[in-house]
Structure formats: structure tokens, C-alpha cells
Amino acid sequence: MAAAIGMMDGAYFVGRNEILSWINATLQLSLSRVEEAASGAVQCQMMDMVHPGIVPMHRVNFDAKTEYDMIQNYKLLQDVFNKLKIEKHIEVNKLVKGRPLDNLEFLQWLKRYCDSVTHGIMNENYNPVERRCKGGKERKGSQKFSKSLPHNSLPNRVSTDGAKQVSPIANEEIYVSQIRELYQKVPYKY
């Protein structure tokens, strides 16, 4: 499959906003720039969602800040590609530099790959937040995600008139549950 995605494929014409929306909705994140995915953790978790259990998620470093730590994540990703016989070269040296175009191109390829496997339908049984935890317990530092995986943890606010406002993440959870309900109503035809 990977060899069939050439540079003129439509996958490479998907914009950064669509890529970011896909990542944020799928993994319940709040990335604002594609280079925030330079650590390789997002890519590992996407592969974990598409092929449950193939990525040793307990070894993925979601707080990777150094190139060394990021390279370890990409080694895990390359191992997954090898197990799945995906012939996609990962340009680790470029990706860990955090350059937007390099990361966008790889994420475009990843979106196309994931869509080809899942037919564009999210795995509703996949809990990305839980999978980022180690052994059911919260990972060290999971309350304060690093740049590699920012998390929108804004508390509920009280407006000037005293009314409580719901945080943006709560709204996102409502939207995700509504989308899941709609997927269940739509008949699956292929």
C-alpha cells in the first residue's frame, strides 16, 4: 500500500488544517501546528489505533523533547512498519528537526494510509487517552503534556455574570460522542 502513494497522490494535497483536525479529533489532542508532531509519538499512536496492539505504547515517549528521545519513537514506528511490511522510508533526521513541510508531508502520507485501512471510519472502541497511559495508570507528566502532545486542560471558567462556562475540551467530547452516534446510524456499505 505504501508504495502506491506517490508524490502526486491526492494525499499530498490535504491541507495542514485538515491534518491537524484529523489528529486532534482522532487522538483527542489540541495540536495547533504540524511540527508539534515531530516527536513521532502521534504517528506511533495513529498506527496503534489502526492496528491495535502492534505498537508497544508503554515504550512511546510522549514527552520527548530531545532528538535522541524522538529518534527512539521513530525506531518504534519503523519496527511497526517492518512488522506490517510497509515499505515507507521514514526520514527521521528531517522529521525530528520539526520543519513544518517535512512533518506535514509525513502526516499526509500517514492520513492516507490510515484512511485506506479504516476506510475513513474512526475506531469507536479506541480510547486514545487511555492508550497514552501506562498500565491503566496515568503516565508520569500526563497532566502537563509537552510541546509534542499538548492537551487542552483549561478549567471551567465563571463569566462576569457568575454563570459557569464549559471548557472547550468538554465541547469537543460532546462533539465526538455525537459523531460516534451518527456513525452507528449510517449503514456500512462497501
N, C-alpha and C. Protein backbone atom coordinates (compact mmCIF):
# COMPACT_ATOMS: atom_id res chain seq x y z
N MET A 1 0.83 -1.19 0.00
CA MET A 1 0.00 0.00 0.00
C MET A 1 0.87 1.25 0.00
N ALA A 2 1.91 1.29 0.82
CA ALA A 2 2.72 2.49 0.95
C ALA A 2 3.37 2.88 -0.36
N ALA A 3 3.79 1.90 -1.14
CA ALA A 3 4.44 2.20 -2.41
C ALA A 3 3.47 2.81 -3.40
N ALA A 4 2.17 2.59 -3.23
CA ALA A 4 1.17 3.09 -4.16
C ALA A 4 0.86 4.56 -3.95
N ILE A 5 1.38 5.18 -2.89
CA ILE A 5 1.10 6.58 -2.62
C ILE A 5 2.27 7.41 -3.14
N GLY A 6 2.14 7.92 -4.36
CA GLY A 6 3.19 8.74 -4.97
C GLY A 6 3.03 10.19 -4.59
N MET A 7 4.03 11.00 -4.92
CA MET A 7 4.01 12.41 -4.55
C MET A 7 2.87 13.20 -5.21
N MET A 8 2.33 12.72 -6.32
CA MET A 8 1.22 13.43 -6.95
C MET A 8 -0.13 12.89 -6.48
N ASP A 9 -0.12 11.97 -5.54
CA ASP A 9 -1.35 11.43 -4.98
C ASP A 9 -2.10 12.54 -4.27
N GLY A 10 -3.41 12.45 -4.27
CA GLY A 10 -4.24 13.44 -3.60
C GLY A 10 -3.94 13.60 -2.13
N ALA A 11 -3.33 12.58 -1.52
CA ALA A 11 -2.98 12.65 -0.10
C ALA A 11 -2.09 13.85 0.19
N TYR A 12 -1.23 14.20 -0.75
CA TYR A 12 -0.28 15.28 -0.53
C TYR A 12 -0.86 16.66 -0.82
N PHE A 13 -2.15 16.70 -1.11
CA PHE A 13 -2.81 17.99 -1.32
C PHE A 13 -3.79 18.29 -0.19
N VAL A 14 -3.73 17.48 0.88
CA VAL A 14 -4.55 17.72 2.06
C VAL A 14 -3.85 18.79 2.88
N GLY A 15 -4.59 19.83 3.26
CA GLY A 15 -4.00 20.96 3.98
C GLY A 15 -3.68 20.68 5.43
N ARG A 16 -2.82 21.54 5.97
CA ARG A 16 -2.40 21.35 7.37
C ARG A 16 -3.56 21.45 8.34
N ASN A 17 -4.55 22.31 8.08
CA ASN A 17 -5.70 22.43 8.98
C ASN A 17 -6.49 21.12 9.03
N GLU A 18 -6.68 20.50 7.87
CA GLU A 18 -7.40 19.23 7.85
C GLU A 18 -6.62 18.14 8.58
N ILE A 19 -5.30 18.13 8.39
CA ILE A 19 -4.44 17.16 9.07
C ILE A 19 -4.53 17.37 10.59
N LEU A 20 -4.42 18.62 11.03
CA LEU A 20 -4.49 18.90 12.46
C LEU A 20 -5.85 18.54 13.04
N SER A 21 -6.91 18.83 12.32
CA SER A 21 -8.26 18.47 12.78
C SER A 21 -8.39 16.96 12.92
N TRP A 22 -7.87 16.23 11.93
CA TRP A 22 -7.92 14.76 11.96
C TRP A 22 -7.16 14.22 13.18
N ILE A 23 -5.94 14.72 13.41
CA ILE A 23 -5.14 14.27 14.55
C ILE A 23 -5.86 14.59 15.85
N ASN A 24 -6.30 15.83 16.00
CA ASN A 24 -6.93 16.27 17.24
C ASN A 24 -8.21 15.50 17.53
N ALA A 25 -9.04 15.26 16.52
CA ALA A 25 -10.28 14.53 16.72
C ALA A 25 -10.01 13.05 17.01
N THR A 26 -9.08 12.47 16.29
CA THR A 26 -8.80 11.04 16.44
C THR A 26 -8.13 10.71 17.75
N LEU A 27 -7.16 11.53 18.15
CA LEU A 27 -6.36 11.23 19.35
C LEU A 27 -6.72 12.11 20.55
N GLN A 28 -7.77 12.90 20.42
CA GLN A 28 -8.22 13.80 21.49
C GLN A 28 -7.07 14.68 21.98
N LEU A 29 -6.48 15.39 21.04
CA LEU A 29 -5.38 16.31 21.32
C LEU A 29 -5.79 17.72 20.93
N SER A 30 -4.87 18.64 21.09
CA SER A 30 -5.12 20.01 20.67
C SER A 30 -3.85 20.60 20.05
N LEU A 31 -3.33 19.92 19.04
CA LEU A 31 -2.17 20.44 18.32
C LEU A 31 -2.61 21.65 17.52
N SER A 32 -1.73 22.64 17.44
CA SER A 32 -2.05 23.81 16.64
C SER A 32 -1.10 23.96 15.45
N ARG A 33 0.01 23.19 15.46
CA ARG A 33 0.97 23.25 14.36
C ARG A 33 1.44 21.83 14.06
N VAL A 34 1.68 21.51 12.80
CA VAL A 34 2.11 20.15 12.44
C VAL A 34 3.46 19.80 13.05
N GLU A 35 4.31 20.78 13.24
CA GLU A 35 5.63 20.47 13.80
C GLU A 35 5.56 20.02 15.25
N GLU A 36 4.40 20.18 15.90
CA GLU A 36 4.22 19.67 17.26
C GLU A 36 4.17 18.14 17.27
N ALA A 37 4.05 17.54 16.10
CA ALA A 37 4.03 16.08 15.98
C ALA A 37 5.42 15.53 15.64
N ALA A 38 6.43 16.37 15.72
CA ALA A 38 7.78 15.96 15.31
C ALA A 38 8.39 14.87 16.18
N SER A 39 7.85 14.64 17.37
CA SER A 39 8.43 13.65 18.28
C SER A 39 8.19 12.22 17.84
N GLY A 40 7.24 12.00 16.93
CA GLY A 40 6.93 10.65 16.48
C GLY A 40 5.87 9.95 17.33
N ALA A 41 5.52 10.52 18.47
CA ALA A 41 4.53 9.90 19.34
C ALA A 41 3.15 9.86 18.69
N VAL A 42 2.77 10.93 18.01
CA VAL A 42 1.47 10.98 17.33
C VAL A 42 1.40 9.88 16.27
N GLN A 43 2.47 9.73 15.50
CA GLN A 43 2.50 8.73 14.44
C GLN A 43 2.39 7.32 15.03
N CYS A 44 3.10 7.09 16.13
CA CYS A 44 3.01 5.78 16.79
C CYS A 44 1.59 5.51 17.26
N GLN A 45 0.94 6.52 17.84
CA GLN A 45 -0.41 6.30 18.35
C GLN A 45 -1.41 6.12 17.21
N MET A 46 -1.20 6.80 16.09
CA MET A 46 -2.09 6.58 14.94
C MET A 46 -1.99 5.13 14.47
N MET A 47 -0.77 4.61 14.40
CA MET A 47 -0.60 3.21 13.99
C MET A 47 -1.21 2.27 15.02
N ASP A 48 -1.15 2.64 16.30
CA ASP A 48 -1.77 1.83 17.35
C ASP A 48 -3.29 1.81 17.18
N MET A 49 -3.86 2.93 16.76
CA MET A 49 -5.31 3.00 16.56
C MET A 49 -5.72 2.13 15.38
N VAL A 50 -4.94 2.18 14.30
CA VAL A 50 -5.28 1.45 13.08
C VAL A 50 -5.00 -0.05 13.24
N HIS A 51 -3.92 -0.38 13.92
CA HIS A 51 -3.53 -1.78 14.13
C HIS A 51 -3.39 -2.00 15.65
N PRO A 52 -4.50 -2.17 16.36
CA PRO A 52 -4.46 -2.27 17.83
C PRO A 52 -3.48 -3.34 18.32
N GLY A 53 -2.67 -2.92 19.29
CA GLY A 53 -1.76 -3.84 19.94
C GLY A 53 -0.41 -4.03 19.27
N ILE A 54 -0.22 -3.49 18.08
CA ILE A 54 1.05 -3.71 17.39
C ILE A 54 2.14 -2.75 17.87
N VAL A 55 1.74 -1.61 18.42
CA VAL A 55 2.71 -0.63 18.93
C VAL A 55 2.86 -0.83 20.44
N PRO A 56 4.07 -1.02 20.92
CA PRO A 56 4.27 -1.11 22.38
C PRO A 56 4.13 0.29 22.99
N MET A 57 2.89 0.68 23.24
CA MET A 57 2.62 2.06 23.67
C MET A 57 3.32 2.44 24.96
N HIS A 58 3.63 1.47 25.80
CA HIS A 58 4.33 1.78 27.05
C HIS A 58 5.76 2.27 26.79
N ARG A 59 6.26 2.04 25.59
CA ARG A 59 7.61 2.49 25.24
C ARG A 59 7.62 3.81 24.48
N VAL A 60 6.47 4.30 24.07
CA VAL A 60 6.39 5.57 23.33
C VAL A 60 6.57 6.72 24.32
N ASN A 61 7.48 7.61 24.02
CA ASN A 61 7.77 8.75 24.88
C ASN A 61 6.97 9.96 24.40
N PHE A 62 5.86 10.22 25.09
CA PHE A 62 5.00 11.34 24.71
C PHE A 62 5.56 12.69 25.15
N ASP A 63 6.57 12.65 26.00
CA ASP A 63 7.18 13.89 26.47
C ASP A 63 8.55 14.12 25.82
N ALA A 64 8.82 13.45 24.71
CA ALA A 64 10.12 13.55 24.04
C ALA A 64 10.40 15.00 23.64
N LYS A 65 11.56 15.48 24.07
CA LYS A 65 11.97 16.85 23.72
C LYS A 65 13.30 16.84 22.99
N THR A 66 14.13 15.85 23.30
CA THR A 66 15.45 15.80 22.67
C THR A 66 15.37 14.95 21.40
N GLU A 67 16.29 15.20 20.49
CA GLU A 67 16.32 14.41 19.26
C GLU A 67 16.50 12.93 19.58
N TYR A 68 17.32 12.63 20.58
CA TYR A 68 17.55 11.22 20.95
C TYR A 68 16.23 10.54 21.31
N ASP A 69 15.43 11.18 22.16
CA ASP A 69 14.15 10.60 22.57
C ASP A 69 13.19 10.47 21.39
N MET A 70 13.20 11.47 20.52
CA MET A 70 12.34 11.43 19.34
C MET A 70 12.75 10.28 18.42
N ILE A 71 14.06 10.10 18.25
CA ILE A 71 14.56 9.03 17.39
C ILE A 71 14.11 7.67 17.93
N GLN A 72 14.05 7.52 19.25
CA GLN A 72 13.59 6.26 19.84
C GLN A 72 12.14 5.99 19.44
N ASN A 73 11.30 7.04 19.42
CA ASN A 73 9.91 6.89 18.98
C ASN A 73 9.85 6.44 17.52
N TYR A 74 10.70 7.05 16.68
CA TYR A 74 10.69 6.68 15.26
C TYR A 74 11.23 5.27 15.04
N LYS A 75 12.12 4.81 15.93
CA LYS A 75 12.58 3.42 15.83
C LYS A 75 11.42 2.46 16.11
N LEU A 76 10.60 2.81 17.09
CA LEU A 76 9.41 2.00 17.37
C LEU A 76 8.48 2.00 16.14
N LEU A 77 8.31 3.17 15.55
CA LEU A 77 7.45 3.28 14.37
C LEU A 77 8.00 2.46 13.21
N GLN A 78 9.31 2.51 13.00
CA GLN A 78 9.93 1.73 11.93
C GLN A 78 9.76 0.24 12.19
N ASP A 79 9.86 -0.19 13.46
CA ASP A 79 9.63 -1.60 13.79
C ASP A 79 8.20 -2.01 13.42
N VAL A 80 7.25 -1.13 13.69
CA VAL A 80 5.85 -1.41 13.34
C VAL A 80 5.72 -1.53 11.82
N PHE A 81 6.32 -0.59 11.09
CA PHE A 81 6.28 -0.64 9.62
C PHE A 81 6.87 -1.96 9.13
N ASN A 82 7.98 -2.38 9.71
CA ASN A 82 8.62 -3.64 9.30
C ASN A 82 7.70 -4.83 9.57
N LYS A 83 7.06 -4.87 10.74
CA LYS A 83 6.14 -5.97 11.08
C LYS A 83 4.98 -6.04 10.09
N LEU A 84 4.50 -4.86 9.68
CA LEU A 84 3.35 -4.78 8.78
C LEU A 84 3.77 -4.83 7.30
N LYS A 85 5.08 -4.93 7.07
CA LYS A 85 5.63 -4.94 5.71
C LYS A 85 5.25 -3.68 4.93
N ILE A 86 5.28 -2.54 5.63
CA ILE A 86 5.03 -1.24 5.00
C ILE A 86 6.38 -0.73 4.52
N GLU A 87 6.49 -0.53 3.22
CA GLU A 87 7.76 -0.08 2.63
C GLU A 87 7.80 1.43 2.50
N LYS A 88 7.73 2.09 3.62
CA LYS A 88 7.79 3.56 3.64
C LYS A 88 9.04 3.97 4.38
N HIS A 89 9.88 4.75 3.71
CA HIS A 89 11.11 5.25 4.34
C HIS A 89 10.75 6.43 5.23
N ILE A 90 11.15 6.35 6.49
CA ILE A 90 10.91 7.44 7.43
C ILE A 90 12.18 8.29 7.49
N GLU A 91 12.07 9.54 7.09
CA GLU A 91 13.22 10.44 7.09
C GLU A 91 13.35 11.07 8.47
N VAL A 92 13.83 10.26 9.42
CA VAL A 92 13.91 10.65 10.82
C VAL A 92 14.71 11.92 11.02
N ASN A 93 15.85 12.03 10.38
CA ASN A 93 16.70 13.20 10.57
C ASN A 93 15.99 14.50 10.21
N LYS A 94 15.13 14.46 9.22
CA LYS A 94 14.37 15.65 8.84
C LYS A 94 13.20 15.88 9.80
N LEU A 95 12.49 14.81 10.16
CA LEU A 95 11.29 14.95 10.99
C LEU A 95 11.60 15.49 12.39
N VAL A 96 12.68 15.02 13.00
CA VAL A 96 12.99 15.46 14.36
C VAL A 96 13.43 16.93 14.43
N LYS A 97 13.80 17.51 13.29
CA LYS A 97 14.15 18.93 13.25
C LYS A 97 12.92 19.81 13.43
N GLY A 98 11.73 19.22 13.20
CA GLY A 98 10.49 19.96 13.40
C GLY A 98 10.13 20.91 12.28
N ARG A 99 10.71 20.72 11.10
CA ARG A 99 10.37 21.60 9.98
C ARG A 99 8.93 21.29 9.53
N PRO A 100 8.11 22.33 9.39
CA PRO A 100 6.70 22.13 9.08
C PRO A 100 6.44 21.30 7.81
N LEU A 101 7.12 21.60 6.71
CA LEU A 101 6.84 20.90 5.46
C LEU A 101 7.16 19.41 5.55
N ASP A 102 8.30 19.06 6.15
CA ASP A 102 8.67 17.66 6.28
C ASP A 102 7.64 16.90 7.11
N ASN A 103 7.24 17.50 8.23
CA ASN A 103 6.26 16.85 9.09
C ASN A 103 4.89 16.79 8.43
N LEU A 104 4.51 17.84 7.71
CA LEU A 104 3.22 17.82 7.01
C LEU A 104 3.18 16.71 5.98
N GLU A 105 4.23 16.56 5.19
CA GLU A 105 4.24 15.51 4.17
C GLU A 105 4.12 14.12 4.79
N PHE A 106 4.82 13.88 5.89
CA PHE A 106 4.73 12.57 6.52
C PHE A 106 3.34 12.35 7.10
N LEU A 107 2.75 13.37 7.71
CA LEU A 107 1.40 13.25 8.26
C LEU A 107 0.36 13.07 7.17
N GLN A 108 0.57 13.71 6.01
CA GLN A 108 -0.33 13.50 4.88
C GLN A 108 -0.29 12.05 4.43
N TRP A 109 0.92 11.51 4.34
CA TRP A 109 1.06 10.10 3.97
C TRP A 109 0.37 9.23 5.01
N LEU A 110 0.58 9.52 6.30
CA LEU A 110 0.00 8.73 7.38
C LEU A 110 -1.52 8.77 7.35
N LYS A 111 -2.08 9.94 7.08
CA LYS A 111 -3.55 10.05 6.99
C LYS A 111 -4.07 9.19 5.85
N ARG A 112 -3.40 9.24 4.72
CA ARG A 112 -3.83 8.43 3.58
C ARG A 112 -3.75 6.95 3.92
N TYR A 113 -2.66 6.55 4.58
CA TYR A 113 -2.51 5.15 4.97
C TYR A 113 -3.63 4.73 5.93
N CYS A 114 -3.85 5.54 6.97
CA CYS A 114 -4.88 5.21 7.96
C CYS A 114 -6.26 5.14 7.31
N ASP A 115 -6.57 6.11 6.45
CA ASP A 115 -7.86 6.10 5.76
C ASP A 115 -8.01 4.87 4.86
N SER A 116 -6.92 4.43 4.25
CA SER A 116 -7.01 3.25 3.37
C SER A 116 -7.28 1.98 4.18
N VAL A 117 -6.78 1.94 5.41
CA VAL A 117 -7.00 0.76 6.25
C VAL A 117 -8.38 0.80 6.91
N THR A 118 -8.77 1.98 7.40
CA THR A 118 -10.03 2.10 8.15
C THR A 118 -11.21 2.56 7.29
N HIS A 119 -10.96 2.83 6.02
CA HIS A 119 -11.98 3.39 5.12
C HIS A 119 -12.51 4.72 5.64
N GLY A 120 -11.65 5.44 6.37
CA GLY A 120 -12.02 6.76 6.87
C GLY A 120 -12.93 6.75 8.09
N ILE A 121 -13.16 5.57 8.67
CA ILE A 121 -14.05 5.47 9.83
C ILE A 121 -13.20 5.27 11.08
N MET A 122 -13.42 6.14 12.05
CA MET A 122 -12.66 6.05 13.30
C MET A 122 -13.06 4.80 14.07
N ASN A 123 -12.09 4.20 14.74
CA ASN A 123 -12.33 3.04 15.60
C ASN A 123 -12.98 3.55 16.88
N GLU A 124 -14.29 3.36 17.01
CA GLU A 124 -15.00 3.91 18.16
C GLU A 124 -14.66 3.21 19.47
N ASN A 125 -14.04 2.05 19.42
CA ASN A 125 -13.64 1.35 20.63
C ASN A 125 -12.26 1.77 21.10
N TYR A 126 -11.58 2.61 20.33
CA TYR A 126 -10.22 3.04 20.67
C TYR A 126 -10.28 4.25 21.59
N ASN A 127 -9.65 4.15 22.75
CA ASN A 127 -9.61 5.26 23.69
C ASN A 127 -8.18 5.81 23.70
N PRO A 128 -7.93 6.89 22.95
CA PRO A 128 -6.56 7.39 22.82
C PRO A 128 -5.95 7.88 24.13
N VAL A 129 -6.76 8.48 24.98
CA VAL A 129 -6.23 8.99 26.25
C VAL A 129 -5.79 7.81 27.13
N GLU A 130 -6.61 6.79 27.18
CA GLU A 130 -6.28 5.60 27.97
C GLU A 130 -5.02 4.92 27.42
N ARG A 131 -4.89 4.85 26.10
CA ARG A 131 -3.73 4.21 25.50
C ARG A 131 -2.44 4.98 25.76
N ARG A 132 -2.55 6.30 26.02
CA ARG A 132 -1.37 7.08 26.36
C ARG A 132 -0.95 6.87 27.82
N CYS A 133 -1.79 6.17 28.57
CA CYS A 133 -1.48 5.88 29.96
C CYS A 133 -0.73 4.56 30.05
N LYS A 134 0.03 4.40 31.08
CA LYS A 134 0.82 3.18 31.27
C LYS A 134 0.10 2.24 32.22
N GLY A 135 -0.29 1.06 31.73
CA GLY A 135 -0.91 0.04 32.57
C GLY A 135 -2.16 0.50 33.28
N GLY A 136 -2.96 1.36 32.64
CA GLY A 136 -4.19 1.83 33.24
C GLY A 136 -3.97 3.00 34.20
N LYS A 137 -2.72 3.26 34.60
CA LYS A 137 -2.42 4.39 35.47
C LYS A 137 -1.90 5.53 34.61
N GLU A 138 -2.10 6.73 35.09
CA GLU A 138 -1.64 7.89 34.31
C GLU A 138 -0.13 7.87 34.20
N ARG A 139 0.36 8.19 33.01
CA ARG A 139 1.80 8.30 32.79
C ARG A 139 2.33 9.48 33.59
N LYS A 140 3.56 9.36 33.99
CA LYS A 140 4.22 10.48 34.65
C LYS A 140 4.17 11.69 33.71
N GLY A 141 3.67 12.79 34.22
CA GLY A 141 3.63 14.01 33.42
C GLY A 141 2.45 14.10 32.47
N SER A 142 1.49 13.17 32.56
CA SER A 142 0.41 13.20 31.58
C SER A 142 -0.54 14.37 31.82
N GLN A 143 -0.53 14.95 33.01
CA GLN A 143 -1.37 16.11 33.25
C GLN A 143 -0.81 17.36 32.59
N LYS A 144 0.49 17.35 32.32
CA LYS A 144 1.10 18.50 31.66
C LYS A 144 1.84 18.01 30.42
N PHE A 145 1.11 17.86 29.36
CA PHE A 145 1.70 17.37 28.12
C PHE A 145 2.73 18.36 27.63
N SER A 146 3.78 17.85 27.05
CA SER A 146 4.82 18.71 26.49
C SER A 146 4.38 19.26 25.15
N LYS A 147 5.29 19.99 24.51
CA LYS A 147 5.01 20.51 23.17
C LYS A 147 4.65 19.41 22.20
N SER A 148 5.21 18.21 22.40
CA SER A 148 4.97 17.15 21.44
C SER A 148 3.52 16.69 21.45
N LEU A 149 2.86 16.73 22.61
CA LEU A 149 1.45 16.36 22.68
C LEU A 149 0.72 17.31 23.64
N PRO A 150 0.43 18.52 23.20
CA PRO A 150 -0.26 19.44 24.09
C PRO A 150 -1.67 18.95 24.38
N HIS A 151 -2.18 19.31 25.52
CA HIS A 151 -3.50 18.87 25.93
C HIS A 151 -4.26 20.09 26.41
N ASN A 152 -5.44 20.28 25.91
CA ASN A 152 -6.23 21.42 26.29
C ASN A 152 -6.88 21.13 27.63
N SER A 153 -6.30 21.61 28.71
CA SER A 153 -6.83 21.32 30.04
C SER A 153 -7.31 22.60 30.72
N LEU A 154 -7.99 23.44 29.96
CA LEU A 154 -8.49 24.67 30.53
C LEU A 154 -9.61 24.34 31.52
N PRO A 155 -9.56 24.91 32.70
CA PRO A 155 -10.62 24.63 33.67
C PRO A 155 -11.90 25.34 33.27
N ASN A 156 -13.00 24.91 33.88
CA ASN A 156 -14.25 25.62 33.66
C ASN A 156 -14.07 27.04 34.20
N ARG A 157 -14.65 28.00 33.51
CA ARG A 157 -14.49 29.39 33.91
C ARG A 157 -15.84 29.94 34.36
N VAL A 158 -15.79 30.97 35.15
CA VAL A 158 -17.01 31.65 35.58
C VAL A 158 -17.00 33.00 34.87
N SER A 159 -18.10 33.31 34.20
CA SER A 159 -18.18 34.57 33.47
C SER A 159 -18.45 35.70 34.46
N THR A 160 -18.47 36.93 33.94
CA THR A 160 -18.67 38.10 34.79
C THR A 160 -20.05 38.10 35.45
N ASP A 161 -21.03 37.42 34.83
CA ASP A 161 -22.37 37.38 35.43
C ASP A 161 -22.53 36.19 36.37
N GLY A 162 -21.45 35.46 36.62
CA GLY A 162 -21.48 34.35 37.57
C GLY A 162 -21.85 33.00 36.97
N ALA A 163 -22.19 32.97 35.67
CA ALA A 163 -22.57 31.71 35.03
C ALA A 163 -21.31 30.91 34.71
N LYS A 164 -21.39 29.61 34.93
CA LYS A 164 -20.25 28.74 34.68
C LYS A 164 -20.17 28.42 33.19
N GLN A 165 -18.97 28.57 32.61
CA GLN A 165 -18.77 28.26 31.20
C GLN A 165 -18.04 26.94 31.09
N VAL A 166 -18.43 26.12 30.11
CA VAL A 166 -17.81 24.82 29.91
C VAL A 166 -16.52 25.01 29.11
N SER A 167 -15.49 24.27 29.49
CA SER A 167 -14.21 24.38 28.79
C SER A 167 -14.35 23.86 27.36
N PRO A 168 -13.46 24.31 26.45
CA PRO A 168 -13.52 23.85 25.07
C PRO A 168 -13.37 22.33 24.94
N ILE A 169 -12.61 21.69 25.82
CA ILE A 169 -12.41 20.25 25.72
C ILE A 169 -13.71 19.51 26.01
N ALA A 170 -14.53 20.06 26.90
CA ALA A 170 -15.82 19.42 27.19
C ALA A 170 -16.70 19.46 25.95
N ASN A 171 -16.69 20.60 25.24
CA ASN A 171 -17.45 20.69 24.00
C ASN A 171 -16.96 19.67 22.98
N GLU A 172 -15.65 19.49 22.91
CA GLU A 172 -15.08 18.54 21.96
C GLU A 172 -15.55 17.12 22.28
N GLU A 173 -15.62 16.78 23.57
CA GLU A 173 -16.09 15.45 23.96
C GLU A 173 -17.54 15.24 23.55
N ILE A 174 -18.35 16.30 23.65
CA ILE A 174 -19.75 16.21 23.22
C ILE A 174 -19.81 15.96 21.72
N TYR A 175 -19.00 16.69 20.95
CA TYR A 175 -18.99 16.51 19.51
C TYR A 175 -18.55 15.11 19.12
N VAL A 176 -17.52 14.60 19.79
CA VAL A 176 -17.03 13.26 19.48
C VAL A 176 -18.12 12.23 19.74
N SER A 177 -18.85 12.37 20.85
CA SER A 177 -19.92 11.40 21.14
C SER A 177 -21.05 11.52 20.11
N GLN A 178 -21.34 12.73 19.65
CA GLN A 178 -22.37 12.90 18.63
C GLN A 178 -21.94 12.27 17.31
N ILE A 179 -20.67 12.41 16.97
CA ILE A 179 -20.15 11.81 15.74
C ILE A 179 -20.25 10.29 15.82
N ARG A 180 -19.91 9.73 16.97
CA ARG A 180 -20.00 8.28 17.15
C ARG A 180 -21.43 7.79 16.97
N GLU A 181 -22.38 8.54 17.53
CA GLU A 181 -23.79 8.17 17.37
C GLU A 181 -24.19 8.18 15.90
N LEU A 182 -23.74 9.18 15.17
CA LEU A 182 -24.07 9.26 13.75
C LEU A 182 -23.46 8.10 12.96
N TYR A 183 -22.22 7.72 13.29
CA TYR A 183 -21.59 6.58 12.63
C TYR A 183 -22.39 5.31 12.84
N GLN A 184 -22.99 5.15 14.02
CA GLN A 184 -23.77 3.96 14.30
C GLN A 184 -25.06 3.93 13.50
N LYS A 185 -25.59 5.10 13.17
CA LYS A 185 -26.84 5.18 12.42
C LYS A 185 -26.65 4.95 10.92
N VAL A 186 -25.45 5.25 10.42
CA VAL A 186 -25.18 5.13 8.98
C VAL A 186 -24.85 3.67 8.65
N PRO A 187 -25.55 3.08 7.68
CA PRO A 187 -25.24 1.68 7.33
C PRO A 187 -23.86 1.60 6.66
N TYR A 188 -23.16 0.55 6.98
CA TYR A 188 -21.80 0.32 6.45
C TYR A 188 -21.91 -0.42 5.14
N LYS A 189 -21.56 0.23 4.04
CA LYS A 189 -21.65 -0.39 2.69
C LYS A 189 -20.33 -0.23 1.97
N TYR A 190 -19.72 -1.34 1.60
CA TYR A 190 -18.51 -1.33 0.78
C TYR A 190 -18.53 -2.49 -0.14
